[in-house]
Amino acid sequence: MPGAMPFLHRWVGNPMFSLMAGWWFKAPIHDVYCGLRAFTKELYNSLDQRCTGMEFATEMIVKSSLYGAKIAEVPITLHRDGRKSNGPHLRTFRDGWRTLRFFLMFSPFWLFLVPGAISVILGLVGYALALPGVIVWGATLDAHTLLFASLAIMCGYQSILFALFTKMFAISEGLLPKDKRLTRLCEVVTLEKALLVAIGALFVGLSLLLVSVYIWKSKGFGRLDYRETMRLVIPGSMLAALGFQTILASFFMSILGLSRK
């Protein structure tokens, strides 16, 4: 009905989150915030809902879709709020952010994992072209390309870690069902193995940095040919950062896994 829903809710927030629920979680609904619902006690108990704010409504939809529950819609007409003593509890930006945060926690791996993997691959391609100084379409790929490639690798790696963190946290808190692929990954990539790889990357990175310092020393700590030394400094810095980041991430993932055992 006219005036039953604020402009931002009707034309921005509600359509956007409803579209995201259908796209990301295959939820067959057109209004994630509709509060008029009927559900069985058995289903409600199985969902084990955790959210305490407005995202409670979307949690019910997302979890029902993920667990394969039967969902049907019956059209209703929304009227203006007729309450006199108390106003609506919904806060547009606060509750919109909480819903978005909830969606990101439940988001499928391709939202962070795939873009992260693509970023890492592009960075590796950049390294493969820049280290030998390949000329592409008249442009010489050199130290600056290495810097851009390192940025792509580090951002992509962080995106992959974020996908793993959110998935493990959601499972450990009972927000998502257990994932066989993630369980298998945790069995193969143990804390000890991850630490060995991380320490290896850290060692190689620090070694490259030490070599660059040695070259600087051999020049009497004077001016250097940055085109040459940056070929050591940039990869060394990236490997050292990735190694240190992997050490912390490995311990954090191990801690997240403790609550699931």
C-alpha atoms as a PDB file:
ATOM      1  CA  MET A   1       0.000   0.000   0.000  1.00  0.00           C
ATOM      2  CA  PRO A   2       1.142   3.621  -0.460  1.00  0.00           C
ATOM      3  CA  GLY A   3       3.562   4.648   2.289  1.00  0.00           C
ATOM      4  CA  ALA A   4       3.778   1.146   3.718  1.00  0.00           C
ATOM      5  CA  MET A   5       7.514   0.915   3.096  1.00  0.00           C
ATOM      6  CA  PRO A   6      10.225   3.656   3.091  1.00  0.00           C
ATOM      7  CA  PHE A   7      11.694   4.525  -0.299  1.00  0.00           C
ATOM      8  CA  LEU A   8      15.165   3.059   0.382  1.00  0.00           C
ATOM      9  CA  HIS A   9      13.686  -0.153   1.738  1.00  0.00           C
ATOM     10  CA  ARG A  10      11.323  -0.674  -1.171  1.00  0.00           C
ATOM     11  CA  TRP A  11      13.578   0.229  -4.088  1.00  0.00           C
ATOM     12  CA  VAL A  12      17.108  -0.429  -2.811  1.00  0.00           C
ATOM     13  CA  GLY A  13      17.588  -2.570   0.286  1.00  0.00           C
ATOM     14  CA  ASN A  14      14.835  -5.126  -0.061  1.00  0.00           C
ATOM     15  CA  PRO A  15      15.271  -5.791  -3.804  1.00  0.00           C
ATOM     16  CA  MET A  16      19.062  -5.935  -3.463  1.00  0.00           C
ATOM     17  CA  PHE A  17      19.134  -8.413  -0.582  1.00  0.00           C
ATOM     18  CA  SER A  18      16.359 -10.500  -2.124  1.00  0.00           C
ATOM     19  CA  LEU A  19      18.313 -10.683  -5.382  1.00  0.00           C
ATOM     20  CA  MET A  20      21.495 -11.617  -3.510  1.00  0.00           C
ATOM     21  CA  ALA A  21      19.665 -14.367  -1.607  1.00  0.00           C
ATOM     22  CA  GLY A  22      18.401 -15.842  -4.861  1.00  0.00           C
ATOM     23  CA  TRP A  23      21.725 -15.477  -6.672  1.00  0.00           C
ATOM     24  CA  TRP A  24      24.103 -16.607  -3.925  1.00  0.00           C
ATOM     25  CA  PHE A  25      21.992 -19.169  -2.071  1.00  0.00           C
ATOM     26  CA  LYS A  26      19.330 -20.206  -4.621  1.00  0.00           C
ATOM     27  CA  ALA A  27      16.586 -19.006  -2.295  1.00  0.00           C
ATOM     28  CA  PRO A  28      13.260 -19.096  -4.226  1.00  0.00           C
ATOM     29  CA  ILE A  29      11.849 -15.937  -2.623  1.00  0.00           C
ATOM     30  CA  HIS A  30      11.221 -12.337  -3.642  1.00  0.00           C
ATOM     31  CA  ASP A  31      11.157 -10.641  -0.222  1.00  0.00           C
ATOM     32  CA  VAL A  32      13.743 -11.712   2.364  1.00  0.00           C
ATOM     33  CA  TYR A  33      12.334  -9.323   4.965  1.00  0.00           C
ATOM     34  CA  CYS A  34       8.691 -10.336   4.854  1.00  0.00           C
ATOM     35  CA  GLY A  35       7.827 -11.096   8.475  1.00  0.00           C
ATOM     36  CA  LEU A  36       4.618 -12.991   7.772  1.00  0.00           C
ATOM     37  CA  ARG A  37       5.787 -16.600   7.773  1.00  0.00           C
ATOM     38  CA  ALA A  38       4.683 -20.058   8.739  1.00  0.00           C
ATOM     39  CA  PHE A  39       7.111 -22.880   9.462  1.00  0.00           C
ATOM     40  CA  THR A  40       7.133 -26.212  11.231  1.00  0.00           C
ATOM     41  CA  LYS A  41       8.656 -26.631  14.653  1.00  0.00           C
ATOM     42  CA  GLU A  42      10.859 -29.388  13.275  1.00  0.00           C
ATOM     43  CA  LEU A  43      12.365 -27.076  10.661  1.00  0.00           C
ATOM     44  CA  TYR A  44      12.859 -24.227  13.110  1.00  0.00           C
ATOM     45  CA  ASN A  45      14.689 -26.461  15.585  1.00  0.00           C
ATOM     46  CA  SER A  46      16.923 -27.863  12.844  1.00  0.00           C
ATOM     47  CA  LEU A  47      17.956 -24.385  11.672  1.00  0.00           C
ATOM     48  CA  ASP A  48      19.504 -23.526  15.063  1.00  0.00           C
ATOM     49  CA  GLN A  49      19.286 -19.797  14.368  1.00  0.00           C
ATOM     50  CA  ARG A  50      21.899 -17.546  15.965  1.00  0.00           C
ATOM     51  CA  CYS A  51      21.265 -13.993  14.745  1.00  0.00           C
ATOM     52  CA  THR A  52      19.611 -11.595  17.188  1.00  0.00           C
ATOM     53  CA  GLY A  53      18.876  -8.601  14.921  1.00  0.00           C
ATOM     54  CA  MET A  54      16.951  -7.970  11.727  1.00  0.00           C
ATOM     55  CA  GLU A  55      19.195 -10.459   9.916  1.00  0.00           C
ATOM     56  CA  PHE A  56      17.286 -13.150  11.849  1.00  0.00           C
ATOM     57  CA  ALA A  57      14.702 -13.076   9.044  1.00  0.00           C
ATOM     58  CA  THR A  58      17.291 -13.569   6.297  1.00  0.00           C
ATOM     59  CA  GLU A  59      19.097 -16.248   8.309  1.00  0.00           C
ATOM     60  CA  MET A  60      15.910 -18.321   8.247  1.00  0.00           C
ATOM     61  CA  ILE A  61      15.663 -18.019   4.463  1.00  0.00           C
ATOM     62  CA  VAL A  62      19.352 -18.699   3.762  1.00  0.00           C
ATOM     63  CA  LYS A  63      19.594 -21.687   6.084  1.00  0.00           C
ATOM     64  CA  SER A  64      16.350 -23.179   4.810  1.00  0.00           C
ATOM     65  CA  SER A  65      17.709 -22.947   1.268  1.00  0.00           C
ATOM     66  CA  LEU A  66      21.085 -24.446   2.188  1.00  0.00           C
ATOM     67  CA  TYR A  67      19.435 -27.346   4.044  1.00  0.00           C
ATOM     68  CA  GLY A  68      17.051 -28.007   1.139  1.00  0.00           C
ATOM     69  CA  ALA A  69      13.804 -27.196   2.931  1.00  0.00           C
ATOM     70  CA  LYS A  70      10.584 -26.765   0.938  1.00  0.00           C
ATOM     71  CA  ILE A  71       9.825 -23.067   0.489  1.00  0.00           C
ATOM     72  CA  ALA A  72       6.699 -21.564  -1.057  1.00  0.00           C
ATOM     73  CA  GLU A  73       5.427 -17.987  -1.373  1.00  0.00           C
ATOM     74  CA  VAL A  74       1.910 -16.641  -1.027  1.00  0.00           C
ATOM     75  CA  PRO A  75       1.421 -12.994  -2.133  1.00  0.00           C
ATOM     76  CA  ILE A  76       0.331 -10.592   0.610  1.00  0.00           C
ATOM     77  CA  THR A  77      -0.376  -6.872   0.773  1.00  0.00           C
ATOM     78  CA  LEU A  78       1.810  -4.757   3.049  1.00  0.00           C
ATOM     79  CA  HIS A  79      -0.109  -1.996   4.868  1.00  0.00           C
ATOM     80  CA  ARG A  80       1.140   1.060   6.713  1.00  0.00           C
ATOM     81  CA  ASP A  81       2.373   0.476  10.241  1.00  0.00           C
ATOM     82  CA  GLY A  82      -0.603   0.952  12.560  1.00  0.00           C
ATOM     83  CA  ARG A  83       1.244   0.850  15.884  1.00  0.00           C
ATOM     84  CA  LYS A  84       0.645   3.831  18.173  1.00  0.00           C
ATOM     85  CA  SER A  85       2.707   3.280  21.313  1.00  0.00           C
ATOM     86  CA  ASN A  86       5.955   2.016  19.801  1.00  0.00           C
ATOM     87  CA  GLY A  87       7.563   2.862  16.464  1.00  0.00           C
ATOM     88  CA  PRO A  88       9.277   0.432  14.060  1.00  0.00           C
ATOM     89  CA  HIS A  89      12.497  -1.160  15.294  1.00  0.00           C
ATOM     90  CA  LEU A  90      14.130  -1.277  11.854  1.00  0.00           C
ATOM     91  CA  ARG A  91      17.137   1.015  11.347  1.00  0.00           C
ATOM     92  CA  THR A  92      17.948   1.352   7.656  1.00  0.00           C
ATOM     93  CA  PHE A  93      21.749   1.530   7.578  1.00  0.00           C
ATOM     94  CA  ARG A  94      22.503  -0.374  10.776  1.00  0.00           C
ATOM     95  CA  ASP A  95      20.303  -3.338   9.889  1.00  0.00           C
ATOM     96  CA  GLY A  96      21.290  -3.188   6.226  1.00  0.00           C
ATOM     97  CA  TRP A  97      24.953  -3.491   7.196  1.00  0.00           C
ATOM     98  CA  ARG A  98      24.224  -6.375   9.577  1.00  0.00           C
ATOM     99  CA  THR A  99      22.391  -8.210   6.811  1.00  0.00           C
ATOM    100  CA  LEU A 100      25.236  -7.635   4.356  1.00  0.00           C
ATOM    101  CA  ARG A 101      27.749  -8.851   6.937  1.00  0.00           C
ATOM    102  CA  PHE A 102      25.659 -11.970   7.454  1.00  0.00           C
ATOM    103  CA  PHE A 103      25.487 -12.601   3.697  1.00  0.00           C
ATOM    104  CA  LEU A 104      29.254 -12.261   3.365  1.00  0.00           C
ATOM    105  CA  MET A 105      29.757 -14.831   6.112  1.00  0.00           C
ATOM    106  CA  PHE A 106      27.472 -17.252   4.300  1.00  0.00           C
ATOM    107  CA  SER A 107      28.693 -16.396   0.810  1.00  0.00           C
ATOM    108  CA  PRO A 108      29.875 -19.233  -1.422  1.00  0.00           C
ATOM    109  CA  PHE A 109      33.582 -19.661  -2.028  1.00  0.00           C
ATOM    110  CA  TRP A 110      33.484 -18.201  -5.502  1.00  0.00           C
ATOM    111  CA  LEU A 111      32.722 -14.758  -4.103  1.00  0.00           C
ATOM    112  CA  PHE A 112      36.191 -14.534  -2.507  1.00  0.00           C
ATOM    113  CA  LEU A 113      38.049 -17.708  -3.477  1.00  0.00           C
ATOM    114  CA  VAL A 114      37.707 -17.470  -7.241  1.00  0.00           C
ATOM    115  CA  PRO A 115      38.521 -13.732  -7.541  1.00  0.00           C
ATOM    116  CA  GLY A 116      41.447 -14.296  -5.180  1.00  0.00           C
ATOM    117  CA  ALA A 117      42.748 -17.202  -7.233  1.00  0.00           C
ATOM    118  CA  ILE A 118      42.435 -15.165 -10.449  1.00  0.00           C
ATOM    119  CA  SER A 119      44.348 -12.294  -8.831  1.00  0.00           C
ATOM    120  CA  VAL A 120      47.140 -14.658  -7.764  1.00  0.00           C
ATOM    121  CA  ILE A 121      47.347 -16.177 -11.253  1.00  0.00           C
ATOM    122  CA  LEU A 122      47.542 -12.753 -12.878  1.00  0.00           C
ATOM    123  CA  GLY A 123      50.292 -11.803 -10.441  1.00  0.00           C
ATOM    124  CA  LEU A 124      52.265 -14.932 -11.271  1.00  0.00           C
ATOM    125  CA  VAL A 125      51.901 -14.188 -14.976  1.00  0.00           C
ATOM    126  CA  GLY A 126      53.207 -10.697 -14.292  1.00  0.00           C
ATOM    127  CA  TYR A 127      56.240 -12.171 -12.558  1.00  0.00           C
ATOM    128  CA  ALA A 128      56.873 -14.589 -15.404  1.00  0.00           C
ATOM    129  CA  LEU A 129      56.922 -11.688 -17.862  1.00  0.00           C
ATOM    130  CA  ALA A 130      58.696  -9.073 -15.738  1.00  0.00           C
ATOM    131  CA  LEU A 131      61.593 -11.110 -14.345  1.00  0.00           C
ATOM    132  CA  PRO A 132      63.134 -11.732 -17.796  1.00  0.00           C
ATOM    133  CA  GLY A 133      62.116  -8.232 -18.925  1.00  0.00           C
ATOM    134  CA  VAL A 134      59.764  -9.309 -21.703  1.00  0.00           C
ATOM    135  CA  ILE A 135      58.541  -6.622 -24.100  1.00  0.00           C
ATOM    136  CA  VAL A 136      54.776  -6.802 -24.667  1.00  0.00           C
ATOM    137  CA  TRP A 137      53.219  -4.603 -27.366  1.00  0.00           C
ATOM    138  CA  GLY A 138      56.179  -2.251 -27.174  1.00  0.00           C
ATOM    139  CA  ALA A 139      56.112  -1.999 -23.366  1.00  0.00           C
ATOM    140  CA  THR A 140      59.066  -3.318 -21.365  1.00  0.00           C
ATOM    141  CA  LEU A 141      57.870  -5.124 -18.261  1.00  0.00           C
ATOM    142  CA  ASP A 142      60.329  -4.521 -15.458  1.00  0.00           C
ATOM    143  CA  ALA A 143      60.525  -3.640 -11.751  1.00  0.00           C
ATOM    144  CA  HIS A 144      57.304  -1.646 -11.714  1.00  0.00           C
ATOM    145  CA  THR A 145      55.455  -4.617 -13.189  1.00  0.00           C
ATOM    146  CA  LEU A 146      56.912  -6.778 -10.416  1.00  0.00           C
ATOM    147  CA  LEU A 147      55.493  -4.366  -7.869  1.00  0.00           C
ATOM    148  CA  PHE A 148      52.024  -4.496  -9.436  1.00  0.00           C
ATOM    149  CA  ALA A 149      52.240  -8.290  -9.701  1.00  0.00           C
ATOM    150  CA  SER A 150      53.221  -8.554  -6.026  1.00  0.00           C
ATOM    151  CA  LEU A 151      50.207  -6.460  -5.077  1.00  0.00           C
ATOM    152  CA  ALA A 152      47.925  -8.750  -7.082  1.00  0.00           C
ATOM    153  CA  ILE A 153      49.372 -11.859  -5.450  1.00  0.00           C
ATOM    154  CA  MET A 154      49.130 -10.518  -1.912  1.00  0.00           C
ATOM    155  CA  CYS A 155      45.575  -9.200  -2.342  1.00  0.00           C
ATOM    156  CA  GLY A 156      44.492 -12.441  -3.990  1.00  0.00           C
ATOM    157  CA  TYR A 157      46.074 -14.517  -1.241  1.00  0.00           C
ATOM    158  CA  GLN A 158      44.305 -12.433   1.401  1.00  0.00           C
ATOM    159  CA  SER A 159      40.997 -12.962  -0.406  1.00  0.00           C
ATOM    160  CA  ILE A 160      41.544 -16.736  -0.397  1.00  0.00           C
ATOM    161  CA  LEU A 161      42.348 -16.709   3.316  1.00  0.00           C
ATOM    162  CA  PHE A 162      39.228 -14.640   3.986  1.00  0.00           C
ATOM    163  CA  ALA A 163      37.110 -17.244   2.189  1.00  0.00           C
ATOM    164  CA  LEU A 164      38.587 -19.989   4.362  1.00  0.00           C
ATOM    165  CA  PHE A 165      38.225 -17.983   7.583  1.00  0.00           C
ATOM    166  CA  THR A 166      34.575 -17.118   7.033  1.00  0.00           C
ATOM    167  CA  LYS A 167      33.697 -20.673   6.041  1.00  0.00           C
ATOM    168  CA  MET A 168      35.417 -22.215   9.054  1.00  0.00           C
ATOM    169  CA  PHE A 169      33.913 -19.670  11.446  1.00  0.00           C
ATOM    170  CA  ALA A 170      30.393 -20.209  10.085  1.00  0.00           C
ATOM    171  CA  ILE A 171      30.766 -23.987  10.431  1.00  0.00           C
ATOM    172  CA  SER A 172      32.276 -23.804  13.929  1.00  0.00           C
ATOM    173  CA  GLU A 173      29.417 -21.578  15.102  1.00  0.00           C
ATOM    174  CA  GLY A 174      26.768 -23.846  13.634  1.00  0.00           C
ATOM    175  CA  LEU A 175      25.729 -21.285  11.032  1.00  0.00           C
ATOM    176  CA  LEU A 176      26.559 -23.605   8.141  1.00  0.00           C
ATOM    177  CA  PRO A 177      26.571 -27.385   7.748  1.00  0.00           C
ATOM    178  CA  LYS A 178      29.924 -29.116   7.578  1.00  0.00           C
ATOM    179  CA  ASP A 179      31.684 -28.994   4.231  1.00  0.00           C
ATOM    180  CA  LYS A 180      33.348 -32.238   3.113  1.00  0.00           C
ATOM    181  CA  ARG A 181      35.818 -30.393   0.867  1.00  0.00           C
ATOM    182  CA  LEU A 182      36.917 -28.120   3.688  1.00  0.00           C
ATOM    183  CA  THR A 183      37.232 -31.047   6.068  1.00  0.00           C
ATOM    184  CA  ARG A 184      39.388 -32.879   3.548  1.00  0.00           C
ATOM    185  CA  LEU A 185      41.532 -29.783   3.031  1.00  0.00           C
ATOM    186  CA  CYS A 186      42.121 -29.455   6.779  1.00  0.00           C
ATOM    187  CA  GLU A 187      43.153 -33.114   6.926  1.00  0.00           C
ATOM    188  CA  VAL A 188      45.649 -32.725   4.083  1.00  0.00           C
ATOM    189  CA  VAL A 189      46.979 -29.251   4.915  1.00  0.00           C
ATOM    190  CA  THR A 190      47.808 -29.614   8.599  1.00  0.00           C
ATOM    191  CA  LEU A 191      49.176 -26.859  10.818  1.00  0.00           C
ATOM    192  CA  GLU A 192      52.651 -28.378  10.708  1.00  0.00           C
ATOM    193  CA  LYS A 193      52.726 -28.590   6.903  1.00  0.00           C
ATOM    194  CA  ALA A 194      51.464 -25.035   6.512  1.00  0.00           C
ATOM    195  CA  LEU A 195      54.096 -23.770   8.963  1.00  0.00           C
ATOM    196  CA  LEU A 196      56.878 -25.531   7.045  1.00  0.00           C
ATOM    197  CA  VAL A 197      55.789 -23.892   3.792  1.00  0.00           C
ATOM    198  CA  ALA A 198      55.404 -20.532   5.491  1.00  0.00           C
ATOM    199  CA  ILE A 199      58.824 -20.708   7.123  1.00  0.00           C
ATOM    200  CA  GLY A 200      60.337 -21.708   3.775  1.00  0.00           C
ATOM    201  CA  ALA A 201      58.783 -18.702   2.035  1.00  0.00           C
ATOM    202  CA  LEU A 202      59.889 -16.434   4.874  1.00  0.00           C
ATOM    203  CA  PHE A 203      63.441 -17.787   4.688  1.00  0.00           C
ATOM    204  CA  VAL A 204      63.678 -17.319   0.911  1.00  0.00           C
ATOM    205  CA  GLY A 205      62.243 -13.813   1.165  1.00  0.00           C
ATOM    206  CA  LEU A 206      64.625 -12.747   3.909  1.00  0.00           C
ATOM    207  CA  SER A 207      67.534 -14.293   1.999  1.00  0.00           C
ATOM    208  CA  LEU A 208      66.740 -12.185  -1.070  1.00  0.00           C
ATOM    209  CA  LEU A 209      66.566  -9.093   1.102  1.00  0.00           C
ATOM    210  CA  LEU A 210      69.906  -9.927   2.702  1.00  0.00           C
ATOM    211  CA  VAL A 211      71.463 -10.382  -0.736  1.00  0.00           C
ATOM    212  CA  SER A 212      70.229  -6.929  -1.718  1.00  0.00           C
ATOM    213  CA  VAL A 213      71.770  -5.484   1.459  1.00  0.00           C
ATOM    214  CA  TYR A 214      75.056  -7.261   0.639  1.00  0.00           C
ATOM    215  CA  ILE A 215      75.027  -5.725  -2.835  1.00  0.00           C
ATOM    216  CA  TRP A 216      74.411  -2.327  -1.271  1.00  0.00           C
ATOM    217  CA  LYS A 217      77.341  -2.907   1.084  1.00  0.00           C
ATOM    218  CA  SER A 218      79.592  -3.863  -1.841  1.00  0.00           C
ATOM    219  CA  LYS A 219      78.745  -0.492  -3.388  1.00  0.00           C
ATOM    220  CA  GLY A 220      79.886   1.284  -0.221  1.00  0.00           C
ATOM    221  CA  PHE A 221      76.246   1.910   0.764  1.00  0.00           C
ATOM    222  CA  GLY A 222      76.051   4.368  -2.089  1.00  0.00           C
ATOM    223  CA  ARG A 223      73.691   4.659  -5.042  1.00  0.00           C
ATOM    224  CA  LEU A 224      72.328   1.460  -6.523  1.00  0.00           C
ATOM    225  CA  ASP A 225      70.967   0.397  -9.865  1.00  0.00           C
ATOM    226  CA  TYR A 226      67.355   0.110  -8.782  1.00  0.00           C
ATOM    227  CA  ARG A 227      66.416  -1.753 -11.948  1.00  0.00           C
ATOM    228  CA  GLU A 228      68.583  -4.645 -10.727  1.00  0.00           C
ATOM    229  CA  THR A 229      68.232  -4.484  -6.949  1.00  0.00           C
ATOM    230  CA  MET A 230      64.443  -4.129  -7.026  1.00  0.00           C
ATOM    231  CA  ARG A 231      64.330  -7.532  -8.729  1.00  0.00           C
ATOM    232  CA  LEU A 232      65.531  -8.868  -5.386  1.00  0.00           C
ATOM    233  CA  VAL A 233      63.817  -6.485  -2.997  1.00  0.00           C
ATOM    234  CA  ILE A 234      60.284  -6.780  -4.423  1.00  0.00           C
ATOM    235  CA  PRO A 235      60.077 -10.607  -4.546  1.00  0.00           C
ATOM    236  CA  GLY A 236      61.913 -10.827  -1.231  1.00  0.00           C
ATOM    237  CA  SER A 237      59.489  -8.465   0.482  1.00  0.00           C
ATOM    238  CA  MET A 238      56.495 -10.278  -0.992  1.00  0.00           C
ATOM    239  CA  LEU A 239      57.708 -13.738   0.044  1.00  0.00           C
ATOM    240  CA  ALA A 240      58.590 -12.538   3.536  1.00  0.00           C
ATOM    241  CA  ALA A 241      55.163 -10.946   3.931  1.00  0.00           C
ATOM    242  CA  LEU A 242      53.340 -14.013   2.580  1.00  0.00           C
ATOM    243  CA  GLY A 243      55.357 -16.319   4.812  1.00  0.00           C
ATOM    244  CA  PHE A 244      54.648 -14.276   7.938  1.00  0.00           C
ATOM    245  CA  GLN A 245      50.989 -13.940   6.990  1.00  0.00           C
ATOM    246  CA  THR A 246      50.717 -17.695   6.435  1.00  0.00           C
ATOM    247  CA  ILE A 247      52.182 -18.424   9.870  1.00  0.00           C
ATOM    248  CA  LEU A 248      49.533 -16.277  11.560  1.00  0.00           C
ATOM    249  CA  ALA A 249      46.759 -17.591   9.300  1.00  0.00           C
ATOM    250  CA  SER A 250      47.735 -21.212   9.993  1.00  0.00           C
ATOM    251  CA  PHE A 251      47.492 -20.740  13.753  1.00  0.00           C
ATOM    252  CA  PHE A 252      44.217 -18.859  13.395  1.00  0.00           C
ATOM    253  CA  MET A 253      42.666 -21.583  11.236  1.00  0.00           C
ATOM    254  CA  SER A 254      43.869 -24.178  13.733  1.00  0.00           C
ATOM    255  CA  ILE A 255      42.145 -22.248  16.518  1.00  0.00           C
ATOM    256  CA  LEU A 256      38.922 -22.034  14.498  1.00  0.00           C
ATOM    257  CA  GLY A 257      39.073 -25.779  13.952  1.00  0.00           C
ATOM    258  CA  LEU A 258      39.348 -26.570  17.666  1.00  0.00           C
ATOM    259  CA  SER A 259      35.722 -25.666  18.398  1.00  0.00           C
ATOM    260  CA  ARG A 260      34.503 -28.087  15.720  1.00  0.00           C
ATOM    261  CA  LYS A 261      36.193 -31.154  17.196  1.00  0.00           C
END
